[in-house]
């Protein structure tokens, strides 16, 4: 039965209600009221930077432990006036280079790697 209804809808013989009509059923007309901060503690009480202009004691208070450790490790060489990422030092791990293998001759040069893996046309 649904195939017949789908065919009728596709041909234009069956009218489909719009989302506006469907959404209007059972929902209030006024819309939703915006959320407020009534009853919540102030930012100063929570120790966050906010309305009173004071900064929290810990500048990394909103960050995860992993990010905090990274910042601390970066601050050590900077405190010793050393660049943590010097430009002249080569990378410790080599970057793998692409081979000059032409691959599939049917795939145009410069095609994304996924195209080289897929065979869409038999």
N, C-alpha and C. Protein backbone atom coordinates (compact mmCIF):
# COMPACT_ATOMS: atom_id res chain seq x y z
N UNK A 1 0.82 -1.19 0.00
CA UNK A 1 0.00 0.00 0.00
C UNK A 1 0.86 1.25 0.00
N UNK A 2 2.00 1.22 0.70
CA UNK A 2 2.83 2.42 0.75
C UNK A 2 3.46 2.72 -0.59
N UNK A 3 3.74 1.69 -1.41
CA UNK A 3 4.31 1.93 -2.73
C UNK A 3 3.32 2.68 -3.60
N UNK A 4 2.03 2.37 -3.45
CA UNK A 4 1.01 3.07 -4.22
C UNK A 4 0.91 4.52 -3.77
N UNK A 5 0.96 4.74 -2.44
CA UNK A 5 0.89 6.10 -1.92
C UNK A 5 2.13 6.89 -2.34
N UNK A 6 3.30 6.26 -2.31
CA UNK A 6 4.52 6.94 -2.73
C UNK A 6 4.45 7.32 -4.20
N UNK A 7 3.92 6.42 -5.01
CA UNK A 7 3.79 6.71 -6.44
C UNK A 7 2.81 7.85 -6.66
N UNK A 8 1.70 7.83 -5.94
CA UNK A 8 0.72 8.91 -6.07
C UNK A 8 1.28 10.23 -5.61
N UNK A 9 2.10 10.22 -4.56
CA UNK A 9 2.73 11.45 -4.09
C UNK A 9 3.72 11.96 -5.11
N UNK A 10 4.50 11.07 -5.70
CA UNK A 10 5.50 11.48 -6.68
C UNK A 10 4.84 12.04 -7.93
N UNK A 11 3.68 11.51 -8.30
CA UNK A 11 2.98 11.98 -9.49
C UNK A 11 2.16 13.24 -9.22
N UNK A 12 1.97 13.59 -7.95
CA UNK A 12 1.23 14.79 -7.61
C UNK A 12 -0.24 14.57 -7.35
N UNK A 13 -0.70 13.33 -7.25
CA UNK A 13 -2.10 13.05 -7.02
C UNK A 13 -2.47 13.07 -5.54
N UNK A 14 -1.50 12.85 -4.65
CA UNK A 14 -1.75 12.82 -3.22
C UNK A 14 -1.09 14.03 -2.60
N UNK A 15 -1.84 14.79 -1.81
CA UNK A 15 -1.25 15.96 -1.17
C UNK A 15 -0.56 15.55 0.13
N UNK A 16 0.60 16.09 0.35
CA UNK A 16 1.38 15.80 1.55
C UNK A 16 1.36 17.05 2.42
N UNK A 17 1.00 16.92 3.70
CA UNK A 17 0.98 18.11 4.55
C UNK A 17 2.39 18.66 4.75
N UNK A 18 2.48 19.98 4.82
CA UNK A 18 3.78 20.61 4.99
C UNK A 18 4.25 20.45 6.44
N UNK A 19 5.53 20.69 6.66
CA UNK A 19 6.08 20.60 8.01
C UNK A 19 5.47 21.66 8.91
N UNK A 20 5.09 22.80 8.34
CA UNK A 20 4.47 23.85 9.14
C UNK A 20 3.14 23.36 9.72
N UNK A 21 2.36 22.66 8.89
CA UNK A 21 1.09 22.12 9.38
C UNK A 21 1.32 21.00 10.38
N UNK A 22 2.28 20.13 10.10
CA UNK A 22 2.55 19.03 11.02
C UNK A 22 3.07 19.53 12.35
N UNK A 23 3.94 20.53 12.35
CA UNK A 23 4.53 21.04 13.58
C UNK A 23 3.49 21.79 14.40
N UNK A 24 2.52 22.41 13.74
CA UNK A 24 1.53 23.19 14.44
C UNK A 24 0.57 22.37 15.28
N UNK A 25 0.44 21.12 14.99
CA UNK A 25 -0.50 20.28 15.73
C UNK A 25 0.05 19.92 17.11
N UNK A 26 -0.63 20.37 18.14
CA UNK A 26 -0.25 20.00 19.50
C UNK A 26 0.87 20.84 20.09
N UNK A 27 1.33 21.87 19.41
CA UNK A 27 2.38 22.73 19.95
C UNK A 27 1.81 24.12 20.22
N UNK A 28 2.27 24.78 21.27
CA UNK A 28 1.76 26.12 21.56
C UNK A 28 2.17 27.10 20.47
N UNK A 29 1.32 28.11 20.25
CA UNK A 29 1.56 29.08 19.19
C UNK A 29 2.64 30.10 19.55
N UNK A 30 2.84 30.37 20.82
CA UNK A 30 3.73 31.44 21.24
C UNK A 30 5.20 31.14 21.09
N UNK A 31 5.58 29.93 20.93
CA UNK A 31 7.00 29.60 20.85
C UNK A 31 7.58 29.39 22.23
N UNK A 32 8.87 29.19 22.29
CA UNK A 32 9.53 28.93 23.57
C UNK A 32 10.09 30.23 24.14
N UNK A 33 10.13 30.28 25.47
CA UNK A 33 10.73 31.42 26.13
C UNK A 33 12.24 31.20 26.22
N UNK A 34 13.03 32.25 26.10
CA UNK A 34 14.49 32.08 26.20
C UNK A 34 14.91 31.72 27.62
N UNK A 35 16.00 31.00 27.72
CA UNK A 35 16.52 30.61 29.03
C UNK A 35 17.11 31.82 29.73
N UNK A 36 17.01 31.84 31.05
CA UNK A 36 17.56 32.94 31.84
C UNK A 36 18.53 32.38 32.87
N UNK A 37 19.22 33.28 33.55
CA UNK A 37 20.18 32.88 34.58
C UNK A 37 19.60 33.05 35.98
N UNK A 38 18.30 33.16 36.09
CA UNK A 38 17.68 33.31 37.41
C UNK A 38 17.92 32.06 38.24
N UNK A 39 18.33 32.25 39.48
CA UNK A 39 18.53 31.13 40.39
C UNK A 39 19.90 30.47 40.27
N UNK A 40 20.73 30.93 39.34
CA UNK A 40 22.07 30.35 39.19
C UNK A 40 23.08 31.19 39.96
N UNK A 41 24.16 30.58 40.47
CA UNK A 41 25.18 31.36 41.17
C UNK A 41 25.94 32.25 40.19
N UNK A 42 26.50 33.33 40.72
CA UNK A 42 27.24 34.26 39.86
C UNK A 42 28.57 33.65 39.44
N UNK A 43 29.17 34.23 38.41
CA UNK A 43 30.45 33.73 37.93
C UNK A 43 31.55 33.93 38.96
N UNK A 44 31.47 34.99 39.74
CA UNK A 44 32.48 35.23 40.77
C UNK A 44 32.44 34.15 41.85
N UNK A 45 31.24 33.69 42.21
CA UNK A 45 31.11 32.64 43.22
C UNK A 45 31.69 31.33 42.69
N UNK A 46 31.53 31.08 41.40
CA UNK A 46 32.06 29.86 40.80
C UNK A 46 33.56 29.93 40.54
N UNK A 47 34.16 31.11 40.69
CA UNK A 47 35.60 31.25 40.45
C UNK A 47 35.95 31.40 38.98
N UNK A 48 35.00 31.85 38.18
CA UNK A 48 35.25 32.03 36.75
C UNK A 48 35.43 33.51 36.44
N UNK A 49 36.13 33.79 35.36
CA UNK A 49 36.28 35.18 34.93
C UNK A 49 34.92 35.66 34.47
N UNK A 50 34.53 36.82 34.93
CA UNK A 50 33.20 37.24 34.54
C UNK A 50 32.90 38.67 34.88
N UNK A 51 31.68 38.88 35.35
CA UNK A 51 31.11 40.19 35.51
C UNK A 51 31.87 41.14 36.40
N UNK A 52 32.55 40.68 37.45
CA UNK A 52 33.21 41.62 38.34
C UNK A 52 34.61 41.99 37.87
N UNK A 53 35.09 41.46 36.75
CA UNK A 53 36.38 41.84 36.19
C UNK A 53 37.56 41.10 36.75
N UNK A 54 37.38 40.21 37.69
CA UNK A 54 38.51 39.47 38.24
C UNK A 54 38.74 38.21 37.43
N UNK A 55 39.97 37.82 37.33
CA UNK A 55 40.35 36.59 36.63
C UNK A 55 40.39 35.44 37.64
N UNK A 56 40.15 34.22 37.22
CA UNK A 56 40.27 33.10 38.15
C UNK A 56 41.73 32.91 38.56
N UNK A 57 41.94 32.26 39.70
CA UNK A 57 43.29 32.06 40.20
C UNK A 57 44.10 31.19 39.26
N UNK A 58 43.50 30.18 38.67
CA UNK A 58 44.19 29.28 37.76
C UNK A 58 43.77 29.61 36.32
N UNK A 59 44.70 30.08 35.46
CA UNK A 59 44.30 30.41 34.09
C UNK A 59 43.92 29.19 33.27
N UNK A 60 44.31 27.99 33.71
CA UNK A 60 44.00 26.77 32.98
C UNK A 60 42.81 26.02 33.59
N UNK A 61 41.98 26.72 34.37
CA UNK A 61 40.92 26.03 35.11
C UNK A 61 39.89 25.39 34.18
N UNK A 62 39.67 25.91 32.99
CA UNK A 62 38.68 25.34 32.10
C UNK A 62 39.23 24.28 31.17
N UNK A 63 40.53 23.98 31.26
CA UNK A 63 41.16 23.05 30.33
C UNK A 63 41.25 21.65 30.93
N UNK A 64 41.39 20.66 30.07
CA UNK A 64 41.55 19.29 30.54
C UNK A 64 42.95 19.09 31.10
N UNK A 65 43.16 17.99 31.81
CA UNK A 65 44.47 17.72 32.41
C UNK A 65 45.55 17.58 31.35
N UNK A 66 45.22 16.96 30.23
CA UNK A 66 46.21 16.76 29.17
C UNK A 66 46.67 18.10 28.61
N UNK A 67 45.75 19.03 28.39
CA UNK A 67 46.12 20.33 27.85
C UNK A 67 46.89 21.13 28.89
N UNK A 68 46.54 20.99 30.17
CA UNK A 68 47.29 21.69 31.22
C UNK A 68 48.75 21.23 31.24
N UNK A 69 48.97 19.91 31.16
CA UNK A 69 50.33 19.38 31.16
C UNK A 69 51.10 19.91 29.96
N UNK A 70 50.46 19.98 28.81
CA UNK A 70 51.13 20.51 27.62
C UNK A 70 51.55 21.96 27.81
N UNK A 71 50.67 22.77 28.41
CA UNK A 71 51.02 24.17 28.65
C UNK A 71 52.18 24.29 29.63
N UNK A 72 52.17 23.48 30.68
CA UNK A 72 53.27 23.53 31.66
C UNK A 72 54.58 23.14 31.00
N UNK A 73 54.56 22.10 30.16
CA UNK A 73 55.78 21.67 29.48
C UNK A 73 56.27 22.72 28.50
N UNK A 74 55.37 23.48 27.89
CA UNK A 74 55.79 24.54 26.98
C UNK A 74 56.33 25.75 27.75
N UNK A 75 55.81 25.99 28.95
CA UNK A 75 56.26 27.14 29.72
C UNK A 75 57.68 26.97 30.25
N UNK A 76 58.13 25.73 30.48
CA UNK A 76 59.49 25.50 31.00
C UNK A 76 60.56 26.01 30.04
N UNK A 77 60.58 25.60 28.76
CA UNK A 77 61.62 26.14 27.88
C UNK A 77 61.45 27.63 27.61
N UNK A 78 60.23 28.12 27.60
CA UNK A 78 60.03 29.55 27.37
C UNK A 78 60.57 30.37 28.54
N UNK A 79 60.45 29.84 29.77
CA UNK A 79 60.99 30.54 30.93
C UNK A 79 62.51 30.60 30.88
N UNK A 80 63.14 29.60 30.23
CA UNK A 80 64.59 29.58 30.08
C UNK A 80 65.03 30.29 28.80
N UNK A 81 64.14 31.07 28.17
CA UNK A 81 64.42 31.83 26.95
C UNK A 81 64.85 30.91 25.80
N UNK A 82 64.23 29.75 25.70
CA UNK A 82 64.51 28.80 24.63
C UNK A 82 63.24 28.60 23.82
N UNK A 83 63.39 28.53 22.50
CA UNK A 83 62.25 28.29 21.64
C UNK A 83 61.85 26.82 21.74
N UNK A 84 60.61 26.50 22.13
CA UNK A 84 60.22 25.10 22.27
C UNK A 84 60.14 24.37 20.93
N UNK A 85 59.95 25.09 19.84
CA UNK A 85 59.88 24.48 18.52
C UNK A 85 60.88 25.17 17.59
N UNK A 86 62.18 24.87 17.73
CA UNK A 86 63.16 25.55 16.89
C UNK A 86 63.01 25.16 15.42
N UNK A 87 63.21 26.13 14.55
CA UNK A 87 62.99 25.92 13.13
C UNK A 87 64.09 25.07 12.51
N UNK A 88 65.33 25.24 12.93
CA UNK A 88 66.45 24.58 12.29
C UNK A 88 66.62 23.11 12.63
N UNK A 89 65.90 22.59 13.58
CA UNK A 89 66.06 21.20 14.00
C UNK A 89 65.13 20.32 13.17
N UNK A 90 65.68 19.26 12.54
CA UNK A 90 64.81 18.39 11.74
C UNK A 90 63.87 17.57 12.63
N UNK A 91 62.81 17.08 12.05
CA UNK A 91 61.85 16.27 12.78
C UNK A 91 62.48 14.95 13.20
N UNK A 92 62.03 14.41 14.35
CA UNK A 92 62.59 13.15 14.83
C UNK A 92 62.10 11.96 14.04
N UNK A 93 60.89 12.02 13.55
CA UNK A 93 60.34 10.91 12.77
C UNK A 93 60.24 11.33 11.32
N UNK A 94 60.73 10.51 10.40
CA UNK A 94 60.67 10.90 8.99
C UNK A 94 59.24 10.83 8.46
N UNK A 95 58.96 11.70 7.52
CA UNK A 95 57.65 11.73 6.88
C UNK A 95 57.69 10.74 5.72
N UNK A 96 56.74 9.81 5.65
CA UNK A 96 56.76 8.86 4.53
C UNK A 96 56.48 9.57 3.21
N UNK A 97 57.29 9.29 2.23
CA UNK A 97 57.12 9.92 0.92
C UNK A 97 56.29 9.02 0.03
N UNK A 98 55.58 9.63 -0.88
CA UNK A 98 54.78 8.87 -1.82
C UNK A 98 55.69 8.27 -2.87
N UNK A 99 55.34 7.11 -3.32
CA UNK A 99 56.13 6.47 -4.37
C UNK A 99 55.72 7.03 -5.73
N UNK A 100 56.53 6.79 -6.71
CA UNK A 100 56.23 7.25 -8.06
C UNK A 100 55.46 6.21 -8.85
N UNK A 101 54.77 5.32 -8.16
CA UNK A 101 53.97 4.29 -8.82
C UNK A 101 52.80 4.96 -9.53
N UNK A 102 52.65 4.74 -10.83
CA UNK A 102 51.56 5.40 -11.54
C UNK A 102 50.19 4.89 -11.14
N UNK A 103 50.11 3.69 -10.55
CA UNK A 103 48.83 3.15 -10.13
C UNK A 103 47.99 2.73 -11.30
N UNK A 104 46.71 2.96 -11.21
CA UNK A 104 45.77 2.57 -12.26
C UNK A 104 45.81 3.61 -13.37
N UNK A 105 46.10 3.22 -14.61
CA UNK A 105 46.14 4.22 -15.68
C UNK A 105 44.78 4.82 -15.99
N UNK A 106 43.68 4.16 -15.56
CA UNK A 106 42.36 4.71 -15.82
C UNK A 106 42.02 5.87 -14.89
N UNK A 107 42.74 5.97 -13.76
CA UNK A 107 42.49 7.05 -12.81
C UNK A 107 43.30 8.26 -13.25
N UNK A 108 42.68 9.42 -13.37
CA UNK A 108 43.43 10.60 -13.81
C UNK A 108 44.47 11.01 -12.77
N UNK A 109 45.57 11.59 -13.21
CA UNK A 109 46.58 12.04 -12.25
C UNK A 109 46.01 13.15 -11.37
N UNK A 110 46.38 13.12 -10.11
CA UNK A 110 45.89 14.11 -9.16
C UNK A 110 44.56 13.74 -8.53
N UNK A 111 44.03 12.56 -8.85
CA UNK A 111 42.77 12.12 -8.25
C UNK A 111 43.00 11.79 -6.78
N UNK A 112 41.99 11.98 -5.93
CA UNK A 112 42.16 11.65 -4.52
C UNK A 112 42.46 10.17 -4.33
N UNK A 113 43.15 9.82 -3.24
CA UNK A 113 43.53 8.42 -3.01
C UNK A 113 42.34 7.48 -2.94
N UNK A 114 41.20 7.96 -2.44
CA UNK A 114 40.04 7.09 -2.34
C UNK A 114 39.58 6.65 -3.73
N UNK A 115 39.72 7.52 -4.71
CA UNK A 115 39.34 7.16 -6.07
C UNK A 115 40.22 6.05 -6.60
N UNK A 116 41.46 6.06 -6.20
CA UNK A 116 42.38 5.02 -6.64
C UNK A 116 41.99 3.66 -6.05
N UNK A 117 41.38 3.65 -4.88
CA UNK A 117 41.02 2.39 -4.23
C UNK A 117 39.70 1.84 -4.76
N UNK A 118 38.77 2.71 -5.10
CA UNK A 118 37.46 2.26 -5.53
C UNK A 118 37.43 1.97 -7.02
N UNK A 119 36.64 0.99 -7.37
CA UNK A 119 36.38 0.69 -8.78
C UNK A 119 34.87 0.82 -8.96
N UNK A 120 34.40 1.98 -9.34
CA UNK A 120 32.97 2.21 -9.41
C UNK A 120 32.36 1.73 -10.73
N UNK A 121 33.15 1.67 -11.78
CA UNK A 121 32.56 1.35 -13.08
C UNK A 121 33.05 0.00 -13.58
N UNK A 122 32.93 -1.03 -12.77
CA UNK A 122 33.22 -2.39 -13.19
C UNK A 122 34.61 -2.63 -13.41
